[in-house]
Amino acid sequence: MRRPVIGNAHYARGMVTARAADQAGADRATIDLLGVLAYGELSAFDRLAEDARTAPTLGGRAALSVMAAAEIGHFSMLEEHLRGLGVSIEDAMRPFVAPWDSYHASTAPRSWLESLVKAYVGDGLAADFYREIAGWLPGPTSELVQKVLADTGHSAFAEREVQAACASSRQVHDRLALWGRRLLGEAVTQAQHIVAERDELAEFIISGSGDLSGIGALLKRLQSNHGKRMAKLGLT
C-alpha cells in the first residue's frame, strides 16, 4: 500500500510551520531593531539638549538644539511606524534601556569638544551598523530606518569646531584622538551585548550577512568608516 500522500502532507505542513516560524522570528527582529533605534533617538535627544546648555557660544547652543529637535522628530516617526505594526514604542524600547544607558554612562563626555566627537563618531558608528541591517528589512521599514539614520546636520558643524580646536593645540588633538578610539571600542561592545541578548535579532543579522565571515566583513567596514570620520575631524 502506498502512503506518500500522507507523508507529503506532513512534509508540507512542516514546511508551512517552518516558514511561519521564520517569519515570526524576522518580525520580532524588526521590532527589536526599531525599538533599539527609538531608544537611541530618545537618548540622543536627551544628550544633545543637555550638551547644548554647555556650549561655549550661542551659535553652538543653537546648533545642538536644532540637532536635538531632529532626533525627537525621528523618534516620533518610529513611534508612528511601530503603532502601525500594533506595537507600543515603550514595549519595543524596554529591552534596550539598560545597554544604551550603560554605553552612555561609560562614555560620558568631560568637555564640549568630547561631546561633539561623541555625537559625530559614536552616533555615526551606530548609524553605520543599523544602516547595514536596514538593507535586509522590508521596503517601507527599510526606507523609514534610512530616513531616521540620515545626517541631522551636525557633521559639518562638528568638523569645523573640532578641526579648529585641534589645530590650535596638539594636546587637545591627542586627547580627542584617544577619546575617538575609546568610543569605537565601547560602541562595538555595546552592539555585541544587544545582539547577544536578542536571539531573533542575532539570527537575522547572521542570515542577512550570509555567515560569520560576513559579520567579520561588516565589522571591518565599520572600522573603516570610523577611520574616515576621525580623519575628517583631523584626528589622525
C-alpha atoms as a PDB file:
ATOM      1  CA  MET A   1       0.000   0.000   0.000  1.00  0.00           C
ATOM      2  CA  ARG A   2       1.349   3.429  -0.958  1.00  0.00           C
ATOM      3  CA  ARG A   3       1.393   6.217   1.604  1.00  0.00           C
ATOM      4  CA  PRO A   4       3.423   9.030   0.066  1.00  0.00           C
ATOM      5  CA  VAL A   5       0.437  11.352   0.005  1.00  0.00           C
ATOM      6  CA  ILE A   6       0.204  11.293   3.788  1.00  0.00           C
ATOM      7  CA  GLY A   7       3.937  11.748   4.056  1.00  0.00           C
ATOM      8  CA  ASN A   8       3.840  14.658   1.624  1.00  0.00           C
ATOM      9  CA  ALA A   9       1.028  16.244   3.589  1.00  0.00           C
ATOM     10  CA  HIS A  10       3.045  16.044   6.791  1.00  0.00           C
ATOM     11  CA  TYR A  11       6.074  17.442   4.964  1.00  0.00           C
ATOM     12  CA  ALA A  12       4.034  20.295   3.511  1.00  0.00           C
ATOM     13  CA  ARG A  13       2.593  21.187   6.913  1.00  0.00           C
ATOM     14  CA  GLY A  14       6.088  21.080   8.350  1.00  0.00           C
ATOM     15  CA  MET A  15       7.338  23.449   5.674  1.00  0.00           C
ATOM     16  CA  VAL A  16       4.473  25.865   6.318  1.00  0.00           C
ATOM     17  CA  THR A  17       5.147  25.740  10.056  1.00  0.00           C
ATOM     18  CA  ALA A  18       8.870  26.365   9.496  1.00  0.00           C
ATOM     19  CA  ARG A  19       8.173  29.320   7.203  1.00  0.00           C
ATOM     20  CA  ALA A  20       5.729  30.752   9.731  1.00  0.00           C
ATOM     21  CA  ALA A  21       8.342  30.396  12.485  1.00  0.00           C
ATOM     22  CA  ASP A  22      10.981  32.067  10.289  1.00  0.00           C
ATOM     23  CA  GLN A  23       8.611  34.948   9.535  1.00  0.00           C
ATOM     24  CA  ALA A  24       7.727  35.345  13.202  1.00  0.00           C
ATOM     25  CA  GLY A  25      11.418  35.500  14.062  1.00  0.00           C
ATOM     26  CA  ALA A  26      12.029  38.089  11.346  1.00  0.00           C
ATOM     27  CA  ASP A  27       9.084  40.147  12.618  1.00  0.00           C
ATOM     28  CA  ARG A  28      10.482  40.097  16.165  1.00  0.00           C
ATOM     29  CA  ALA A  29      13.907  41.083  14.840  1.00  0.00           C
ATOM     30  CA  THR A  30      12.312  44.020  13.020  1.00  0.00           C
ATOM     31  CA  ILE A  31      10.571  45.168  16.202  1.00  0.00           C
ATOM     32  CA  ASP A  32      13.863  44.847  18.079  1.00  0.00           C
ATOM     33  CA  LEU A  33      15.666  46.959  15.503  1.00  0.00           C
ATOM     34  CA  LEU A  34      13.005  49.665  15.605  1.00  0.00           C
ATOM     35  CA  GLY A  35      12.999  49.548  19.412  1.00  0.00           C
ATOM     36  CA  VAL A  36      16.744  49.951  19.776  1.00  0.00           C
ATOM     37  CA  LEU A  37      16.712  52.784  17.248  1.00  0.00           C
ATOM     38  CA  ALA A  38      13.866  54.511  19.046  1.00  0.00           C
ATOM     39  CA  TYR A  39      15.630  54.454  22.392  1.00  0.00           C
ATOM     40  CA  GLY A  40      18.809  55.577  20.680  1.00  0.00           C
ATOM     41  CA  GLU A  41      16.968  58.580  19.242  1.00  0.00           C
ATOM     42  CA  LEU A  42      15.366  59.396  22.587  1.00  0.00           C
ATOM     43  CA  SER A  43      18.756  59.151  24.312  1.00  0.00           C
ATOM     44  CA  ALA A  44      20.353  61.323  21.626  1.00  0.00           C
ATOM     45  CA  PHE A  45      17.702  63.988  22.184  1.00  0.00           C
ATOM     46  CA  ASP A  46      18.358  63.994  25.943  1.00  0.00           C
ATOM     47  CA  ARG A  47      22.127  64.130  25.444  1.00  0.00           C
ATOM     48  CA  LEU A  48      22.137  66.848  22.789  1.00  0.00           C
ATOM     49  CA  ALA A  49      19.697  69.015  24.740  1.00  0.00           C
ATOM     50  CA  GLU A  50      21.951  68.733  27.796  1.00  0.00           C
ATOM     51  CA  ASP A  51      25.130  69.346  25.777  1.00  0.00           C
ATOM     52  CA  ALA A  52      23.566  72.425  24.185  1.00  0.00           C
ATOM     53  CA  ARG A  53      23.451  74.096  27.598  1.00  0.00           C
ATOM     54  CA  THR A  54      27.225  73.697  27.959  1.00  0.00           C
ATOM     55  CA  ALA A  55      28.052  75.183  24.550  1.00  0.00           C
ATOM     56  CA  PRO A  56      30.659  77.970  24.748  1.00  0.00           C
ATOM     57  CA  THR A  57      28.798  80.083  22.164  1.00  0.00           C
ATOM     58  CA  LEU A  58      25.198  80.898  21.333  1.00  0.00           C
ATOM     59  CA  GLY A  59      25.805  79.529  17.839  1.00  0.00           C
ATOM     60  CA  GLY A  60      26.899  76.211  19.261  1.00  0.00           C
ATOM     61  CA  ARG A  61      23.940  76.117  21.620  1.00  0.00           C
ATOM     62  CA  ALA A  62      21.544  76.777  18.746  1.00  0.00           C
ATOM     63  CA  ALA A  63      23.196  74.164  16.511  1.00  0.00           C
ATOM     64  CA  LEU A  64      22.877  71.388  19.098  1.00  0.00           C
ATOM     65  CA  SER A  65      19.320  72.417  19.942  1.00  0.00           C
ATOM     66  CA  VAL A  66      18.372  72.017  16.284  1.00  0.00           C
ATOM     67  CA  MET A  67      20.019  68.583  16.227  1.00  0.00           C
ATOM     68  CA  ALA A  68      18.092  67.572  19.344  1.00  0.00           C
ATOM     69  CA  ALA A  69      14.848  68.620  17.686  1.00  0.00           C
ATOM     70  CA  ALA A  70      15.694  66.457  14.665  1.00  0.00           C
ATOM     71  CA  GLU A  71      16.312  63.441  16.914  1.00  0.00           C
ATOM     72  CA  ILE A  72      12.938  63.731  18.637  1.00  0.00           C
ATOM     73  CA  GLY A  73      11.372  64.086  15.197  1.00  0.00           C
ATOM     74  CA  HIS A  74      12.938  60.760  14.225  1.00  0.00           C
ATOM     75  CA  PHE A  75      11.618  59.251  17.460  1.00  0.00           C
ATOM     76  CA  SER A  76       8.079  60.314  16.526  1.00  0.00           C
ATOM     77  CA  MET A  77       8.436  58.694  13.094  1.00  0.00           C
ATOM     78  CA  LEU A  78       9.480  55.398  14.681  1.00  0.00           C
ATOM     79  CA  GLU A  79       6.636  55.613  17.180  1.00  0.00           C
ATOM     80  CA  GLU A  80       4.105  56.047  14.377  1.00  0.00           C
ATOM     81  CA  HIS A  81       5.545  53.155  12.379  1.00  0.00           C
ATOM     82  CA  LEU A  82       5.523  50.819  15.379  1.00  0.00           C
ATOM     83  CA  ARG A  83       1.948  51.795  16.145  1.00  0.00           C
ATOM     84  CA  GLY A  84       1.033  50.734  12.631  1.00  0.00           C
ATOM     85  CA  LEU A  85       2.596  47.346  13.386  1.00  0.00           C
ATOM     86  CA  GLY A  86       0.474  47.050  16.534  1.00  0.00           C
ATOM     87  CA  VAL A  87       3.396  47.579  18.927  1.00  0.00           C
ATOM     88  CA  SER A  88       3.777  50.303  21.548  1.00  0.00           C
ATOM     89  CA  ILE A  89       7.074  52.133  21.425  1.00  0.00           C
ATOM     90  CA  GLU A  90       7.524  51.646  25.175  1.00  0.00           C
ATOM     91  CA  ASP A  91       7.369  47.866  24.788  1.00  0.00           C
ATOM     92  CA  ALA A  92       9.745  47.955  21.814  1.00  0.00           C
ATOM     93  CA  MET A  93      12.318  50.106  23.629  1.00  0.00           C
ATOM     94  CA  ARG A  94      12.231  48.449  27.047  1.00  0.00           C
ATOM     95  CA  PRO A  95      14.793  45.651  26.376  1.00  0.00           C
ATOM     96  CA  PHE A  96      17.385  48.186  25.234  1.00  0.00           C
ATOM     97  CA  VAL A  97      17.219  50.761  28.002  1.00  0.00           C
ATOM     98  CA  ALA A  98      19.893  49.113  30.167  1.00  0.00           C
ATOM     99  CA  PRO A  99      22.531  48.549  27.420  1.00  0.00           C
ATOM    100  CA  TRP A 100      22.055  52.038  25.943  1.00  0.00           C
ATOM    101  CA  ASP A 101      22.229  53.671  29.380  1.00  0.00           C
ATOM    102  CA  SER A 102      25.335  51.625  30.194  1.00  0.00           C
ATOM    103  CA  TYR A 103      27.015  52.798  26.987  1.00  0.00           C
ATOM    104  CA  HIS A 104      26.261  56.446  27.694  1.00  0.00           C
ATOM    105  CA  ALA A 105      27.384  56.115  31.322  1.00  0.00           C
ATOM    106  CA  SER A 106      30.722  54.645  30.212  1.00  0.00           C
ATOM    107  CA  THR A 107      31.237  57.348  27.569  1.00  0.00           C
ATOM    108  CA  ALA A 108      30.099  60.448  29.414  1.00  0.00           C
ATOM    109  CA  PRO A 109      31.915  63.437  27.798  1.00  0.00           C
ATOM    110  CA  ARG A 110      34.054  65.601  30.047  1.00  0.00           C
ATOM    111  CA  SER A 111      34.055  68.638  27.775  1.00  0.00           C
ATOM    112  CA  TRP A 112      32.187  70.366  24.980  1.00  0.00           C
ATOM    113  CA  LEU A 113      34.631  69.021  22.401  1.00  0.00           C
ATOM    114  CA  GLU A 114      34.260  65.461  23.659  1.00  0.00           C
ATOM    115  CA  SER A 115      30.502  65.894  23.313  1.00  0.00           C
ATOM    116  CA  LEU A 116      30.910  66.877  19.670  1.00  0.00           C
ATOM    117  CA  VAL A 117      33.246  63.962  18.937  1.00  0.00           C
ATOM    118  CA  LYS A 118      30.821  61.549  20.568  1.00  0.00           C
ATOM    119  CA  ALA A 119      27.892  62.891  18.546  1.00  0.00           C
ATOM    120  CA  TYR A 120      29.921  62.716  15.340  1.00  0.00           C
ATOM    121  CA  VAL A 121      31.875  59.486  15.788  1.00  0.00           C
ATOM    122  CA  GLY A 122      29.815  57.479  18.286  1.00  0.00           C
ATOM    123  CA  ASP A 123      26.444  58.155  16.695  1.00  0.00           C
ATOM    124  CA  GLY A 124      27.988  57.670  13.265  1.00  0.00           C
ATOM    125  CA  LEU A 125      29.177  54.190  14.189  1.00  0.00           C
ATOM    126  CA  ALA A 126      25.736  53.204  15.431  1.00  0.00           C
ATOM    127  CA  ALA A 127      24.133  54.614  12.286  1.00  0.00           C
ATOM    128  CA  ASP A 128      26.518  52.635  10.060  1.00  0.00           C
ATOM    129  CA  PHE A 129      25.678  49.413  11.885  1.00  0.00           C
ATOM    130  CA  TYR A 130      21.906  49.821  11.746  1.00  0.00           C
ATOM    131  CA  ARG A 131      22.020  51.129   8.177  1.00  0.00           C
ATOM    132  CA  GLU A 132      23.627  47.860   7.082  1.00  0.00           C
ATOM    133  CA  ILE A 133      20.884  45.855   8.784  1.00  0.00           C
ATOM    134  CA  ALA A 134      18.173  48.079   7.303  1.00  0.00           C
ATOM    135  CA  GLY A 135      19.065  46.812   3.849  1.00  0.00           C
ATOM    136  CA  TRP A 136      17.649  43.396   4.815  1.00  0.00           C
ATOM    137  CA  LEU A 137      14.302  44.763   6.035  1.00  0.00           C
ATOM    138  CA  PRO A 138      11.005  45.023   4.103  1.00  0.00           C
ATOM    139  CA  GLY A 139      10.726  48.085   1.850  1.00  0.00           C
ATOM    140  CA  PRO A 140       8.688  50.552   3.977  1.00  0.00           C
ATOM    141  CA  THR A 141      10.549  49.707   7.181  1.00  0.00           C
ATOM    142  CA  SER A 142      13.918  49.897   5.419  1.00  0.00           C
ATOM    143  CA  GLU A 143      13.044  53.315   3.982  1.00  0.00           C
ATOM    144  CA  LEU A 144      12.000  54.566   7.411  1.00  0.00           C
ATOM    145  CA  VAL A 145      15.231  53.387   9.033  1.00  0.00           C
ATOM    146  CA  GLN A 146      17.316  55.032   6.318  1.00  0.00           C
ATOM    147  CA  LYS A 147      15.437  58.282   6.866  1.00  0.00           C
ATOM    148  CA  VAL A 148      15.891  58.105  10.643  1.00  0.00           C
ATOM    149  CA  LEU A 149      19.629  57.495  10.220  1.00  0.00           C
ATOM    150  CA  ALA A 150      20.120  60.405   7.838  1.00  0.00           C
ATOM    151  CA  ASP A 151      22.545  63.122   8.927  1.00  0.00           C
ATOM    152  CA  THR A 152      20.755  65.725  11.048  1.00  0.00           C
ATOM    153  CA  GLY A 153      23.213  68.440  10.010  1.00  0.00           C
ATOM    154  CA  HIS A 154      25.731  68.197  12.833  1.00  0.00           C
ATOM    155  CA  SER A 155      28.529  66.741  10.683  1.00  0.00           C
ATOM    156  CA  ALA A 156      29.820  69.969   9.153  1.00  0.00           C
ATOM    157  CA  PHE A 157      29.413  71.875  12.422  1.00  0.00           C
ATOM    158  CA  ALA A 158      31.313  69.236  14.431  1.00  0.00           C
ATOM    159  CA  GLU A 159      34.074  69.066  11.821  1.00  0.00           C
ATOM    160  CA  ARG A 160      34.662  72.827  11.930  1.00  0.00           C
ATOM    161  CA  GLU A 161      34.671  73.009  15.722  1.00  0.00           C
ATOM    162  CA  VAL A 162      36.941  70.022  16.320  1.00  0.00           C
ATOM    163  CA  GLN A 163      39.357  70.809  13.484  1.00  0.00           C
ATOM    164  CA  ALA A 164      39.818  74.360  14.770  1.00  0.00           C
ATOM    165  CA  ALA A 165      40.435  73.156  18.331  1.00  0.00           C
ATOM    166  CA  CYS A 166      42.939  70.512  17.211  1.00  0.00           C
ATOM    167  CA  ALA A 167      44.795  73.000  15.020  1.00  0.00           C
ATOM    168  CA  SER A 168      45.296  75.299  17.992  1.00  0.00           C
ATOM    169  CA  SER A 169      46.515  72.649  20.459  1.00  0.00           C
ATOM    170  CA  ARG A 170      48.396  69.398  19.965  1.00  0.00           C
ATOM    171  CA  GLN A 171      47.353  68.354  23.468  1.00  0.00           C
ATOM    172  CA  VAL A 172      43.684  68.747  22.557  1.00  0.00           C
ATOM    173  CA  HIS A 173      44.279  66.780  19.346  1.00  0.00           C
ATOM    174  CA  ASP A 174      45.887  63.855  21.177  1.00  0.00           C
ATOM    175  CA  ARG A 175      43.242  63.763  23.879  1.00  0.00           C
ATOM    176  CA  LEU A 176      40.373  63.755  21.378  1.00  0.00           C
ATOM    177  CA  ALA A 177      42.086  61.149  19.192  1.00  0.00           C
ATOM    178  CA  LEU A 178      42.293  58.837  22.204  1.00  0.00           C
ATOM    179  CA  TRP A 179      38.660  59.609  23.020  1.00  0.00           C
ATOM    180  CA  GLY A 180      37.605  58.683  19.489  1.00  0.00           C
ATOM    181  CA  ARG A 181      39.375  55.328  19.700  1.00  0.00           C
ATOM    182  CA  ARG A 182      37.696  54.613  23.022  1.00  0.00           C
ATOM    183  CA  LEU A 183      34.279  55.364  21.524  1.00  0.00           C
ATOM    184  CA  LEU A 184      34.899  52.751  18.823  1.00  0.00           C
ATOM    185  CA  GLY A 185      35.630  50.060  21.385  1.00  0.00           C
ATOM    186  CA  GLU A 186      32.661  50.972  23.574  1.00  0.00           C
ATOM    187  CA  ALA A 187      30.254  51.118  20.617  1.00  0.00           C
ATOM    188  CA  VAL A 188      31.290  47.687  19.324  1.00  0.00           C
ATOM    189  CA  THR A 189      30.963  46.213  22.819  1.00  0.00           C
ATOM    190  CA  GLN A 190      27.508  47.738  23.239  1.00  0.00           C
ATOM    191  CA  ALA A 191      26.312  46.383  19.889  1.00  0.00           C
ATOM    192  CA  GLN A 192      27.600  42.913  20.768  1.00  0.00           C
ATOM    193  CA  HIS A 193      25.743  42.951  24.086  1.00  0.00           C
ATOM    194  CA  ILE A 194      22.486  43.985  22.450  1.00  0.00           C
ATOM    195  CA  VAL A 195      22.690  41.340  19.732  1.00  0.00           C
ATOM    196  CA  ALA A 196      23.798  38.601  22.149  1.00  0.00           C
ATOM    197  CA  GLU A 197      20.713  39.139  24.309  1.00  0.00           C
ATOM    198  CA  ARG A 198      18.200  39.109  21.426  1.00  0.00           C
ATOM    199  CA  ASP A 199      18.157  35.723  19.699  1.00  0.00           C
ATOM    200  CA  GLU A 200      15.920  36.706  16.778  1.00  0.00           C
ATOM    201  CA  LEU A 201      17.976  39.809  16.074  1.00  0.00           C
ATOM    202  CA  ALA A 202      21.201  37.780  16.179  1.00  0.00           C
ATOM    203  CA  GLU A 203      19.793  35.193  13.765  1.00  0.00           C
ATOM    204  CA  PHE A 204      18.527  37.961  11.485  1.00  0.00           C
ATOM    205  CA  ILE A 205      21.972  39.580  11.331  1.00  0.00           C
ATOM    206  CA  ILE A 206      23.768  36.293  10.705  1.00  0.00           C
ATOM    207  CA  SER A 207      21.366  35.293   7.926  1.00  0.00           C
ATOM    208  CA  GLY A 208      21.447  38.778   6.417  1.00  0.00           C
ATOM    209  CA  SER A 209      25.233  38.963   6.337  1.00  0.00           C
ATOM    210  CA  GLY A 210      25.484  35.410   4.988  1.00  0.00           C
ATOM    211  CA  ASP A 211      27.633  33.807   7.680  1.00  0.00           C
ATOM    212  CA  LEU A 212      30.181  34.610  10.365  1.00  0.00           C
ATOM    213  CA  SER A 213      32.696  35.752   7.743  1.00  0.00           C
ATOM    214  CA  GLY A 214      30.065  38.211   6.546  1.00  0.00           C
ATOM    215  CA  ILE A 215      29.831  39.618  10.058  1.00  0.00           C
ATOM    216  CA  GLY A 216      33.618  39.953  10.097  1.00  0.00           C
ATOM    217  CA  ALA A 217      33.431  41.922   6.850  1.00  0.00           C
ATOM    218  CA  LEU A 218      30.714  44.114   8.367  1.00  0.00           C
ATOM    219  CA  LEU A 219      32.931  44.940  11.352  1.00  0.00           C
ATOM    220  CA  LYS A 220      35.806  45.838   9.019  1.00  0.00           C
ATOM    221  CA  ARG A 221      33.537  48.249   7.136  1.00  0.00           C
ATOM    222  CA  LEU A 222      32.513  49.843  10.419  1.00  0.00           C
ATOM    223  CA  GLN A 223      36.153  50.282  11.420  1.00  0.00           C
ATOM    224  CA  SER A 224      36.990  51.743   8.017  1.00  0.00           C
ATOM    225  CA  ASN A 225      34.163  54.279   8.255  1.00  0.00           C
ATOM    226  CA  HIS A 226      35.275  55.163  11.763  1.00  0.00           C
ATOM    227  CA  GLY A 227      38.775  55.904  10.451  1.00  0.00           C
ATOM    228  CA  LYS A 228      37.343  58.160   7.748  1.00  0.00           C
ATOM    229  CA  ARG A 229      35.298  60.106  10.290  1.00  0.00           C
ATOM    230  CA  MET A 230      38.303  60.541  12.545  1.00  0.00           C
ATOM    231  CA  ALA A 231      40.285  61.869   9.585  1.00  0.00           C
ATOM    232  CA  LYS A 232      37.543  64.398   8.757  1.00  0.00           C
ATOM    233  CA  LEU A 233      37.789  65.687  12.305  1.00  0.00           C
ATOM    234  CA  GLY A 234      41.527  65.992  11.922  1.00  0.00           C
ATOM    235  CA  LEU A 235      42.108  63.220  14.457  1.00  0.00           C
ATOM    236  CA  THR A 236      44.530  61.043  12.535  1.00  0.00           C
END
